[in-house]
Every structure is written in structure tokens, then in C-alpha cells.
């Protein structure tokens, strides 16, 4: 099998345990590990818990965008940091363990390669040279040489496999050398910066109570696969029924707030500009588009995990006049409502079907 091998390793673990009361220390570490595991989404799968670390792997669907994969991994740190912050704010205990919670951190190693899966004692176990390589990368000189304590390192093999060269262009280049392996090149990202960016975002999303129209569909695919179809320009072209779809991404090389999808529609290839107002990875994306006749539309697509896959729910805000910003009214609104309801219902159904097909490739990979 070929896929991505990821280790989320809690740093400061040994010192924390030796300098803290065992009962409270174990409870804190357990809660942090549960937060990480709870944030893992298919196509990532837990292989095993290794003391203070979670080892996971992912066999990605063909064509899954690199941004989706990277952000799915970054969300593991956000879950860890959020849990850590909550414990610090809520604890009133004066024991060493509770006083030293902030000494804990997280480092994430992400490698891509081949591995075999065997069953030992009733449990699936991964093996192979790349599995060994991923574990060796947890022992490195990143913090000493870069000053970054909580980090994610993505090896060159992963960058090439995911085609995320533009995204990692602003990261710190780093090379480690290991016996019998030689040099291993990678790119290092500061995870506290990711968490700070997530927290600084001012949410701009259409809520159910203000929706003019509500449209939904259901996919058997996991949320990350559905999300990938929402943000990837090529996939958007297919389920929107567009002739072409290009993207102007933000300076970080990612699709994010301020990015624009330029979609060509109809026989005359009329260009519609879908501007991203806000988004949170594998959660929601808010977009504004011109609708013609001086009208504009703001809507939010939500990705909601369900017991049998993913619900895609879209809340469309009232149409507004693009020049004044005022809510539109009149006969044109009635006609537009019927058009949008029929068109976007079909769009979301097509999206769900495409995601289902992509998810099926995960099973057969």
C-alpha cells in the first residue's frame, strides 16, 4: 500500500510525568490524546497509540487536493491546542500536573511512502522502511535549529505526492541525516501560527435563522472528501456544470478568504466570480457571487458529519442589490428563488455522487 504516515507526538511528556502527580498527569495526557484522536477524519485512520503519540495513516482518494490533506493534519494541532487551553482556563487544582499543563506541546511528522499491513494479535500493524523513517523523524534537530517548538514537518516525498510546493514555499526548509538512510529533506511549519490564524478569523457565515433558502444533500463519503470537492477548482467545475474553473489563491498558496473562483458558464462562457468571504477547513465555506440584474448572493456551504457519511447543507442569504447592499425585492427575486432552488439542489446532488465515487476509491486502494 502507498499512503501518508503521520505521527502526532506530545512533547515534554517524560518531564511532565516525572515532575507531576501520576494520577492527574495520566488524566491530562489521556484527555489530550483523546482530543487528537477525536479530530482524526477519514481518509486518515489511527494505526495505534504509542504512549505519548498517535500513529496514523491515510490512503488518499485519487486526485484529493494537497491543501485538504495538509489542513486535515493541521486540525489535529488545533484540537490539541484547544483542549490544552480549556484545561488551563478551567482548572483550579494547585498540583504540579495541573500547574505544568502549559509545558506540553505537540510535534507532527508527515511522511509519504509504502507500507504493508499485517495482523498481529488481532490488531492491524503497519510495517516497512517508510514506517521506520516516519518514526525516526520524530528524533530531530528542528527545535534547536529553528526555534520552533510545536511544529509540523512534511517530507519532500509528501510535498511531491500532494503537489503542495506553493503552500510550503513559505515554510522553513529543513534537512536531517540518518544512518543507513542519508539526508531527508522536509519543510517545517509553526503550528502555533496555524492556531493563531484560526482564532483570529471573524466568522462570516449564513446561519439557518437568516437563510432565504436552505438546500441540502447527503453523501456516504467522509467529511474531508466532501470538503475537497467544495474547494478544489477542477472538482467544482464538474459538479457546478461549468465549462472551466480557475482559482486565484491567497499569498500562502492556499484557497482561503479573499480567493476567487472564476467560472465559465453557458454557451458564451460568461465568467462568474465566486469570492470566498470566509472558510474553516472541513467545516464551512462562505461565498458571494453576482447573479445578474444588479443582484448578488451570499451563501454558506456546511460540511456536517453524520452517522452514515456527510450532510452538505447550504444556507442562502436573501438576495441583495450589489450597488447599495440592500435586500432585493420584487418579481425578479421570485424567479431567482425557483432557479436557485432547482439548480443548486442538482449541483449538491452531483457533488455528493462525485464524493461517493472518490470515497469508493479509498476502499479499493
Protein backbone atom coordinates (compact mmCIF):
# COMPACT_ATOMS: atom_id res chain seq x y z
CA UNK A 1 0.00 0.00 0.00
CA UNK A 2 1.07 3.59 -0.55
CA UNK A 3 -0.12 6.49 1.52
CA UNK A 4 0.69 9.08 4.15
CA UNK A 5 2.21 8.22 7.50
CA UNK A 6 1.59 10.72 10.29
CA UNK A 7 2.76 10.83 13.89
CA UNK A 8 1.36 13.37 16.36
CA UNK A 9 3.77 13.28 19.30
CA UNK A 10 3.22 15.14 22.58
CA UNK A 11 6.46 16.87 23.56
CA UNK A 12 7.57 17.43 27.15
CA UNK A 13 5.83 14.15 28.07
CA UNK A 14 8.64 12.48 30.06
CA UNK A 15 9.49 15.52 32.15
CA UNK A 16 5.81 16.23 32.74
CA UNK A 17 5.23 12.70 34.10
CA UNK A 18 8.34 12.63 36.28
CA UNK A 19 7.61 16.01 37.85
CA UNK A 20 3.86 15.56 38.30
CA UNK A 21 1.39 13.53 40.33
CA UNK A 22 0.79 10.35 38.32
CA UNK A 23 -2.99 10.24 38.60
CA UNK A 24 -3.55 13.81 37.38
CA UNK A 25 -0.73 13.62 34.82
CA UNK A 26 -2.16 10.50 33.20
CA UNK A 27 -5.62 12.07 33.10
CA UNK A 28 -4.26 15.18 31.36
CA UNK A 29 -2.26 13.20 28.78
CA UNK A 30 -5.28 10.96 28.16
CA UNK A 31 -7.53 13.95 27.54
CA UNK A 32 -5.06 15.47 25.08
CA UNK A 33 -4.66 12.19 23.19
CA UNK A 34 -8.45 11.84 23.04
CA UNK A 35 -8.69 15.35 21.57
CA UNK A 36 -6.22 14.42 18.83
CA UNK A 37 -7.93 11.11 18.06
CA UNK A 38 -11.33 12.81 18.04
CA UNK A 39 -10.12 15.21 15.35
CA UNK A 40 -8.88 12.48 13.01
CA UNK A 41 -11.09 12.20 9.95
CA UNK A 42 -11.16 9.72 7.11
CA UNK A 43 -9.20 9.09 4.97
CA UNK A 44 -6.82 9.27 7.96
CA UNK A 45 -7.01 6.21 10.21
CA UNK A 46 -5.45 5.54 13.62
CA UNK A 47 -2.90 2.75 13.48
CA UNK A 48 -2.03 2.70 17.19
CA UNK A 49 -1.43 4.82 20.28
CA UNK A 50 2.28 4.84 21.16
CA UNK A 51 2.44 6.13 24.71
CA UNK A 52 2.54 9.89 24.16
CA UNK A 53 1.90 9.74 20.41
CA UNK A 54 -0.77 8.84 17.87
CA UNK A 55 0.41 6.99 14.77
CA UNK A 56 -1.97 7.19 11.82
CA UNK A 57 -2.01 6.61 8.10
CA UNK A 58 -4.10 7.58 5.10
CA UNK A 59 -4.66 6.11 1.68
CA UNK A 60 -5.93 9.14 -0.18
CA UNK A 61 -8.54 9.09 -2.96
CA UNK A 62 -7.13 9.75 -6.42
CA UNK A 63 -6.87 13.47 -7.06
CA UNK A 64 -7.54 14.62 -3.49
CA UNK A 65 -6.11 18.13 -3.19
CA UNK A 66 -2.98 18.60 -1.16
CA UNK A 67 -4.49 21.54 0.72
CA UNK A 68 -7.27 19.34 2.08
CA UNK A 69 -4.78 16.74 3.31
CA UNK A 70 -2.47 19.29 4.96
CA UNK A 71 -5.33 21.13 6.64
CA UNK A 72 -6.79 17.85 7.93
CA UNK A 73 -3.47 17.27 9.68
CA UNK A 74 -3.23 20.86 10.95
CA UNK A 75 -6.65 20.44 12.55
CA UNK A 76 -5.11 17.79 14.84
CA UNK A 77 -2.98 20.51 16.40
CA UNK A 78 -5.94 22.87 16.68
CA UNK A 79 -7.82 20.16 18.61
CA UNK A 80 -4.78 19.64 20.87
CA UNK A 81 -4.27 23.38 21.47
CA UNK A 82 -7.96 23.96 22.12
CA UNK A 83 -8.08 21.13 24.66
CA UNK A 84 -4.91 22.38 26.36
CA UNK A 85 -6.26 25.91 26.57
CA UNK A 86 -9.58 24.73 28.01
CA UNK A 87 -7.83 22.72 30.73
CA UNK A 88 -5.64 25.69 31.70
CA UNK A 89 -8.64 28.02 31.92
CA UNK A 90 -10.88 25.63 33.83
CA UNK A 91 -8.54 24.06 36.36
CA UNK A 92 -8.40 25.32 39.93
CA UNK A 93 -6.16 22.48 41.11
CA UNK A 94 -2.77 23.50 42.51
CA UNK A 95 -0.97 20.19 41.94
CA UNK A 96 2.21 20.05 39.85
CA UNK A 97 0.48 18.28 36.97
CA UNK A 98 -2.20 20.94 36.58
CA UNK A 99 0.30 23.76 37.10
CA UNK A 100 2.58 22.38 34.37
CA UNK A 101 -0.02 21.76 31.64
CA UNK A 102 1.42 24.56 29.54
CA UNK A 103 4.79 22.79 29.40
CA UNK A 104 3.29 20.27 26.97
CA UNK A 105 3.44 20.73 23.22
CA UNK A 106 2.87 18.81 20.02
CA UNK A 107 5.03 17.95 17.05
CA UNK A 108 3.69 16.32 13.89
CA UNK A 109 5.69 14.30 11.39
CA UNK A 110 4.20 13.65 7.96
CA UNK A 111 5.86 11.28 5.51
CA UNK A 112 4.68 9.57 2.35
CA UNK A 113 5.66 6.10 1.22
CA UNK A 114 4.89 2.43 1.02
CA UNK A 115 3.86 0.15 3.85
CA UNK A 116 2.49 -3.30 4.47
CA UNK A 117 -0.37 -4.12 6.81
CA UNK A 118 -0.30 -7.32 8.82
CA UNK A 119 -2.46 -8.61 11.66
CA UNK A 120 -0.66 -9.34 14.91
CA UNK A 121 -2.61 -10.44 17.97
CA UNK A 122 -5.85 -9.44 16.31
CA UNK A 123 -4.64 -5.89 15.56
CA UNK A 124 -3.61 -4.39 12.23
CA UNK A 125 0.04 -3.33 12.25
CA UNK A 126 1.94 -1.26 9.69
CA UNK A 127 5.49 -2.14 8.69
CA UNK A 128 8.08 -1.13 6.12
CA UNK A 129 11.05 1.14 5.62
CA UNK A 130 8.88 4.27 5.31
CA UNK A 131 7.13 3.44 8.59
CA UNK A 132 10.56 3.28 10.24
CA UNK A 133 11.51 6.55 8.53
CA UNK A 134 8.46 8.36 9.89
CA UNK A 135 9.33 7.27 13.43
CA UNK A 136 12.99 8.23 13.06
CA UNK A 137 11.92 11.71 12.03
CA UNK A 138 10.42 12.28 15.48
CA UNK A 139 14.01 12.44 16.71
CA UNK A 140 15.38 15.53 15.02
CA UNK A 141 17.12 18.88 15.43
CA UNK A 142 14.23 21.09 14.32
CA UNK A 143 13.68 22.99 17.57
CA UNK A 144 17.40 23.52 18.15
CA UNK A 145 17.97 24.85 14.63
CA UNK A 146 14.75 26.77 14.01
CA UNK A 147 13.50 27.73 17.47
CA UNK A 148 10.06 26.29 16.63
CA UNK A 149 8.84 24.09 19.50
CA UNK A 150 5.44 22.99 18.16
CA UNK A 151 5.84 22.14 14.51
CA UNK A 152 4.79 20.03 11.58
CA UNK A 153 7.46 18.66 9.27
CA UNK A 154 6.35 17.43 5.86
CA UNK A 155 8.94 15.45 3.93
CA UNK A 156 9.82 16.16 0.32
CA UNK A 157 8.16 12.85 -0.61
CA UNK A 158 4.86 14.20 0.76
CA UNK A 159 5.25 17.58 -0.90
CA UNK A 160 5.79 15.90 -4.26
CA UNK A 161 2.96 13.43 -3.76
CA UNK A 162 0.47 16.12 -2.74
CA UNK A 163 1.78 18.78 -5.15
CA UNK A 164 1.81 21.43 -2.42
CA UNK A 165 5.02 23.17 -3.47
CA UNK A 166 3.32 26.58 -3.49
CA UNK A 167 1.94 26.09 0.03
CA UNK A 168 5.26 25.03 1.60
CA UNK A 169 7.23 27.69 -0.27
CA UNK A 170 6.93 29.96 2.77
CA UNK A 171 7.82 27.25 5.27
CA UNK A 172 11.29 26.61 6.73
CA UNK A 173 13.39 24.20 4.71
CA UNK A 174 15.00 21.57 6.90
CA UNK A 175 17.25 18.56 6.36
CA UNK A 176 18.02 15.69 8.72
CA UNK A 177 20.57 12.93 8.19
CA UNK A 178 20.12 9.40 9.47
CA UNK A 179 22.36 6.36 9.42
CA UNK A 180 21.58 3.92 6.58
CA UNK A 181 19.18 6.50 5.08
CA UNK A 182 21.19 9.62 4.36
CA UNK A 183 19.64 13.05 4.00
CA UNK A 184 15.90 13.53 4.42
CA UNK A 185 14.62 16.89 3.23
CA UNK A 186 11.44 18.44 4.53
CA UNK A 187 9.56 21.66 5.25
CA UNK A 188 8.67 22.91 8.71
CA UNK A 189 5.56 24.88 9.69
CA UNK A 190 4.94 26.61 13.03
CA UNK A 191 1.74 25.09 14.40
CA UNK A 192 1.07 27.87 16.95
CA UNK A 193 0.88 30.23 13.96
CA UNK A 194 -1.81 27.99 12.42
CA UNK A 195 -3.77 28.03 15.68
CA UNK A 196 -3.41 31.82 15.99
CA UNK A 197 -4.67 32.31 12.43
CA UNK A 198 -7.68 30.09 13.10
CA UNK A 199 -8.57 32.02 16.25
CA UNK A 200 -8.20 35.45 14.65
CA UNK A 201 -10.76 34.76 11.95
CA UNK A 202 -14.02 36.69 12.26
CA UNK A 203 -16.71 34.23 11.26
CA UNK A 204 -18.72 35.32 8.23
CA UNK A 205 -21.35 32.69 7.59
CA UNK A 206 -25.03 32.48 6.81
CA UNK A 207 -26.93 30.98 9.72
CA UNK A 208 -30.13 28.96 9.48
CA UNK A 209 -32.23 31.70 11.10
CA UNK A 210 -31.34 34.22 8.37
CA UNK A 211 -31.44 31.85 5.40
CA UNK A 212 -33.68 32.74 2.47
CA UNK A 213 -33.24 29.26 1.02
CA UNK A 214 -31.97 26.02 2.54
CA UNK A 215 -30.67 23.28 0.25
CA UNK A 216 -29.09 20.01 1.34
CA UNK A 217 -27.75 16.69 0.12
CA UNK A 218 -26.20 13.60 1.68
CA UNK A 219 -23.01 11.78 0.77
CA UNK A 220 -21.69 8.46 2.01
CA UNK A 221 -18.18 9.92 1.82
CA UNK A 222 -16.33 11.21 4.91
CA UNK A 223 -16.31 14.99 5.53
CA UNK A 224 -12.75 15.58 4.29
CA UNK A 225 -13.58 14.05 0.91
CA UNK A 226 -16.73 16.17 0.58
CA UNK A 227 -14.77 19.26 1.61
CA UNK A 228 -12.17 18.52 -1.04
CA UNK A 229 -14.90 18.64 -3.69
CA UNK A 230 -16.08 22.02 -2.37
CA UNK A 231 -12.72 23.78 -2.63
CA UNK A 232 -10.86 22.05 -5.47
CA UNK A 233 -11.35 24.10 -8.69
CA UNK A 234 -11.36 21.09 -11.02
CA UNK A 235 -13.95 19.22 -8.95
CA UNK A 236 -16.07 22.38 -8.60
CA UNK A 237 -16.11 22.66 -12.38
CA UNK A 238 -17.64 19.18 -12.62
CA UNK A 239 -20.40 19.42 -10.03
CA UNK A 240 -21.31 23.03 -10.87
CA UNK A 241 -21.65 22.13 -14.54
CA UNK A 242 -19.18 24.85 -15.54
CA UNK A 243 -17.07 24.86 -18.69
CA UNK A 244 -13.95 25.94 -16.86
CA UNK A 245 -12.90 26.95 -13.36
CA UNK A 246 -9.74 28.73 -12.31
CA UNK A 247 -8.66 29.94 -8.90
CA UNK A 248 -6.84 32.99 -7.63
CA UNK A 249 -5.47 31.83 -4.28
CA UNK A 250 -4.14 33.88 -1.38
CA UNK A 251 -0.42 34.62 -0.90
CA UNK A 252 0.07 31.49 1.23
CA UNK A 253 -0.64 29.37 -1.83
CA UNK A 254 -3.93 28.22 -0.37
CA UNK A 255 -7.58 28.70 -1.13
CA UNK A 256 -8.83 30.93 1.66
CA UNK A 257 -10.68 34.19 2.43
CA UNK A 258 -10.20 36.57 -0.48
CA UNK A 259 -9.61 33.83 -3.04
CA UNK A 260 -11.76 33.82 -6.17
CA UNK A 261 -13.13 31.01 -8.32
CA UNK A 262 -13.53 32.25 -11.90
CA UNK A 263 -16.15 30.01 -13.52
CA UNK A 264 -17.12 29.98 -17.19
CA UNK A 265 -20.80 29.10 -17.75
CA UNK A 266 -23.13 28.74 -20.72
CA UNK A 267 -22.56 28.75 -24.47
CA UNK A 268 -20.96 32.20 -24.36
CA UNK A 269 -18.63 31.21 -21.48
CA UNK A 270 -19.90 34.00 -19.26
CA UNK A 271 -17.49 34.39 -16.34
CA UNK A 272 -18.94 34.32 -12.83
CA UNK A 273 -16.66 35.28 -9.96
CA UNK A 274 -17.21 33.31 -6.74
CA UNK A 275 -15.37 35.18 -3.96
CA UNK A 276 -14.54 33.35 -0.73
CA UNK A 277 -15.56 35.54 2.21
CA UNK A 278 -14.67 33.06 4.94
CA UNK A 279 -13.89 29.39 5.44
CA UNK A 280 -12.86 26.92 8.10
CA UNK A 281 -11.29 23.70 6.85
CA UNK A 282 -13.65 20.72 6.75
CA UNK A 283 -16.39 22.83 8.32
CA UNK A 284 -17.85 25.61 6.16
CA UNK A 285 -17.16 27.97 3.27
CA UNK A 286 -18.96 31.28 2.65
CA UNK A 287 -19.08 32.67 -0.86
CA UNK A 288 -20.53 35.75 -2.56
CA UNK A 289 -21.37 35.84 -6.29
CA UNK A 290 -23.03 38.27 -8.69
CA UNK A 291 -26.36 36.94 -10.04
CA UNK A 292 -27.05 39.45 -12.82
CA UNK A 293 -29.62 42.30 -12.93
CA UNK A 294 -27.62 44.09 -10.25
CA UNK A 295 -28.18 41.26 -7.76
CA UNK A 296 -25.71 39.47 -5.53
CA UNK A 297 -25.94 36.34 -3.39
CA UNK A 298 -24.11 35.29 -0.22
CA UNK A 299 -24.29 31.68 0.90
CA UNK A 300 -22.56 29.20 3.18
CA UNK A 301 -21.95 25.52 2.45
CA UNK A 302 -21.62 23.47 5.64
CA UNK A 303 -19.95 20.05 5.88
CA UNK A 304 -21.62 18.14 8.73
CA UNK A 305 -20.50 14.65 9.82
CA UNK A 306 -23.37 12.17 10.09
CA UNK A 307 -23.58 8.57 11.17
CA UNK A 308 -23.59 7.35 7.57
CA UNK A 309 -21.31 9.90 5.92
CA UNK A 310 -21.71 13.63 5.49
CA UNK A 311 -24.57 16.11 5.18
CA UNK A 312 -23.99 19.08 2.91
CA UNK A 313 -26.23 21.94 3.98
CA UNK A 314 -26.31 25.28 2.18
CA UNK A 315 -27.91 28.37 3.68
CA UNK A 316 -28.53 31.11 1.13
CA UNK A 317 -28.95 34.64 2.46
CA UNK A 318 -31.51 37.00 0.87
CA UNK A 319 -30.50 38.39 -2.50
CA UNK A 320 -29.04 41.89 -2.26
CA UNK A 321 -28.51 44.79 -4.63
CA UNK A 322 -24.81 44.85 -5.46
CA UNK A 323 -24.62 48.66 -5.64
CA UNK A 324 -26.46 49.51 -2.41
CA UNK A 325 -26.17 46.34 -0.35
CA UNK A 326 -29.90 46.47 0.38
CA UNK A 327 -32.07 43.34 0.27
CA UNK A 328 -33.64 42.89 -3.15
CA UNK A 329 -37.38 42.58 -3.66
CA UNK A 330 -39.86 42.16 -6.46
CA UNK A 331 -40.68 39.73 -9.23
CA UNK A 332 -37.05 39.08 -10.14
CA UNK A 333 -36.48 37.63 -6.66
CA UNK A 334 -39.34 35.15 -7.08
CA UNK A 335 -37.92 33.97 -10.41
CA UNK A 336 -34.41 33.73 -8.99
CA UNK A 337 -35.60 31.69 -6.00
CA UNK A 338 -37.05 28.99 -8.25
CA UNK A 339 -33.92 28.94 -10.40
CA UNK A 340 -31.51 28.71 -7.46
CA UNK A 341 -33.51 26.05 -5.66
CA UNK A 342 -33.62 23.77 -8.69
CA UNK A 343 -30.09 24.44 -9.91
CA UNK A 344 -28.21 24.23 -6.63
CA UNK A 345 -30.17 21.20 -5.47
CA UNK A 346 -28.92 19.38 -8.56
CA UNK A 347 -25.41 20.77 -8.03
CA UNK A 348 -25.21 19.42 -4.48
CA UNK A 349 -26.57 16.05 -5.56
CA UNK A 350 -23.85 15.88 -8.22
CA UNK A 351 -21.24 16.86 -5.62
CA UNK A 352 -22.44 14.08 -3.30
CA UNK A 353 -22.27 11.49 -6.08
CA UNK A 354 -18.73 12.55 -7.02
CA UNK A 355 -17.65 12.37 -3.39
CA UNK A 356 -19.19 8.91 -3.08
CA UNK A 357 -17.18 7.72 -6.06
CA UNK A 358 -13.98 9.19 -4.64
CA UNK A 359 -14.61 7.54 -1.28
CA UNK A 360 -15.08 4.20 -3.01
CA UNK A 361 -11.54 4.52 -4.36
CA UNK A 362 -10.28 4.66 -0.76
CA UNK A 363 -11.77 1.23 -0.12
CA UNK A 364 -10.31 -0.34 -3.23
CA UNK A 365 -6.89 1.34 -2.98
